[in-house]
Amino acid sequence: MTHTCARTQVNRVRRDFPQIPPVPAPVPSHEEIARLVYSYWEMGGRQHGSALEDWIRAERELLSRR
């Protein structure tokens, strides 16, 4: 006697929507960030001591513009 089972579709991928690869967010270039940091430095009276904070601020500002 043979036995037949219903075929399962466990490993099938849904094809309702096209598979589109994610597009990476545009990242500001090193030069763009450096120019903005330099402008912060000039506007701040050319004071030293906040380079890292200015760099992070510039990255965030440039990313928010995009």
C-alpha atoms as a PDB file:
ATOM      1  CA  MET A   1       0.000   0.000   0.000  1.00  0.00           C
ATOM      2  CA  THR A   2       1.399   3.404  -0.915  1.00  0.00           C
ATOM      3  CA  HIS A   3       0.875   6.501   1.087  1.00  0.00           C
ATOM      4  CA  THR A   4       0.803   9.997  -0.394  1.00  0.00           C
ATOM      5  CA  CYS A   5       1.396  13.109   1.673  1.00  0.00           C
ATOM      6  CA  ALA A   6       0.456  16.639   0.890  1.00  0.00           C
ATOM      7  CA  ARG A   7       3.440  18.569  -0.358  1.00  0.00           C
ATOM      8  CA  THR A   8       4.564  21.306   2.023  1.00  0.00           C
ATOM      9  CA  GLN A   9       5.935  24.663   0.972  1.00  0.00           C
ATOM     10  CA  VAL A  10       8.243  25.294   3.899  1.00  0.00           C
ATOM     11  CA  ASN A  11      11.280  26.540   1.989  1.00  0.00           C
ATOM     12  CA  ARG A  12       9.507  28.645  -0.586  1.00  0.00           C
ATOM     13  CA  VAL A  13      10.153  32.387  -0.750  1.00  0.00           C
ATOM     14  CA  ARG A  14       7.167  34.648  -1.203  1.00  0.00           C
ATOM     15  CA  ARG A  15       7.257  36.359  -4.571  1.00  0.00           C
ATOM     16  CA  ASP A  16       4.520  38.918  -3.917  1.00  0.00           C
ATOM     17  CA  PHE A  17       7.004  41.786  -3.825  1.00  0.00           C
ATOM     18  CA  PRO A  18      10.202  42.124  -5.840  1.00  0.00           C
ATOM     19  CA  GLN A  19      13.398  41.526  -3.912  1.00  0.00           C
ATOM     20  CA  ILE A  20      15.173  44.896  -4.006  1.00  0.00           C
ATOM     21  CA  PRO A  21      18.567  45.153  -2.352  1.00  0.00           C
ATOM     22  CA  PRO A  22      18.791  47.881   0.299  1.00  0.00           C
ATOM     23  CA  VAL A  23      20.418  51.105  -0.808  1.00  0.00           C
ATOM     24  CA  PRO A  24      23.049  52.344   1.608  1.00  0.00           C
ATOM     25  CA  ALA A  25      22.501  55.808   3.031  1.00  0.00           C
ATOM     26  CA  PRO A  26      24.791  58.386   1.481  1.00  0.00           C
ATOM     27  CA  VAL A  27      27.695  59.018   3.815  1.00  0.00           C
ATOM     28  CA  PRO A  28      29.444  62.387   3.868  1.00  0.00           C
ATOM     29  CA  SER A  29      33.024  62.272   2.689  1.00  0.00           C
ATOM     30  CA  HIS A  30      35.985  62.947   4.945  1.00  0.00           C
ATOM     31  CA  GLU A  31      36.619  66.178   3.046  1.00  0.00           C
ATOM     32  CA  GLU A  32      33.027  67.413   3.500  1.00  0.00           C
ATOM     33  CA  ILE A  33      33.163  66.787   7.232  1.00  0.00           C
ATOM     34  CA  ALA A  34      36.609  68.396   7.556  1.00  0.00           C
ATOM     35  CA  ARG A  35      35.446  71.556   5.755  1.00  0.00           C
ATOM     36  CA  LEU A  36      32.470  71.920   8.068  1.00  0.00           C
ATOM     37  CA  VAL A  37      34.619  71.266  11.170  1.00  0.00           C
ATOM     38  CA  TYR A  38      37.033  73.936   9.972  1.00  0.00           C
ATOM     39  CA  SER A  39      34.182  76.412   9.645  1.00  0.00           C
ATOM     40  CA  TYR A  40      33.069  75.567  13.213  1.00  0.00           C
ATOM     41  CA  TRP A  41      36.643  76.169  14.389  1.00  0.00           C
ATOM     42  CA  GLU A  42      36.770  79.557  12.655  1.00  0.00           C
ATOM     43  CA  MET A  43      33.327  80.595  13.958  1.00  0.00           C
ATOM     44  CA  GLY A  44      34.398  79.596  17.469  1.00  0.00           C
ATOM     45  CA  GLY A  45      37.323  81.999  17.435  1.00  0.00           C
ATOM     46  CA  ARG A  46      39.865  79.330  16.478  1.00  0.00           C
ATOM     47  CA  GLN A  47      39.796  77.855  19.975  1.00  0.00           C
ATOM     48  CA  HIS A  48      41.314  74.401  20.452  1.00  0.00           C
ATOM     49  CA  GLY A  49      39.944  71.508  22.451  1.00  0.00           C
ATOM     50  CA  SER A  50      36.673  70.511  20.765  1.00  0.00           C
ATOM     51  CA  ALA A  51      37.831  68.726  17.619  1.00  0.00           C
ATOM     52  CA  LEU A  52      36.059  65.429  18.341  1.00  0.00           C
ATOM     53  CA  GLU A  53      32.805  67.116  19.339  1.00  0.00           C
ATOM     54  CA  ASP A  54      32.945  69.322  16.242  1.00  0.00           C
ATOM     55  CA  TRP A  55      33.597  66.269  14.030  1.00  0.00           C
ATOM     56  CA  ILE A  56      30.586  64.413  15.423  1.00  0.00           C
ATOM     57  CA  ARG A  57      28.437  67.551  15.114  1.00  0.00           C
ATOM     58  CA  ALA A  58      29.498  68.002  11.475  1.00  0.00           C
ATOM     59  CA  GLU A  59      28.761  64.341  10.639  1.00  0.00           C
ATOM     60  CA  ARG A  60      25.297  64.606  12.150  1.00  0.00           C
ATOM     61  CA  GLU A  61      24.555  67.880  10.404  1.00  0.00           C
ATOM     62  CA  LEU A  62      25.636  66.583   7.003  1.00  0.00           C
ATOM     63  CA  LEU A  63      23.655  63.369   7.449  1.00  0.00           C
ATOM     64  CA  SER A  64      20.529  65.291   8.433  1.00  0.00           C
ATOM     65  CA  ARG A  65      20.800  67.402   5.272  1.00  0.00           C
ATOM     66  CA  ARG A  66      20.553  64.306   3.054  1.00  0.00           C
END
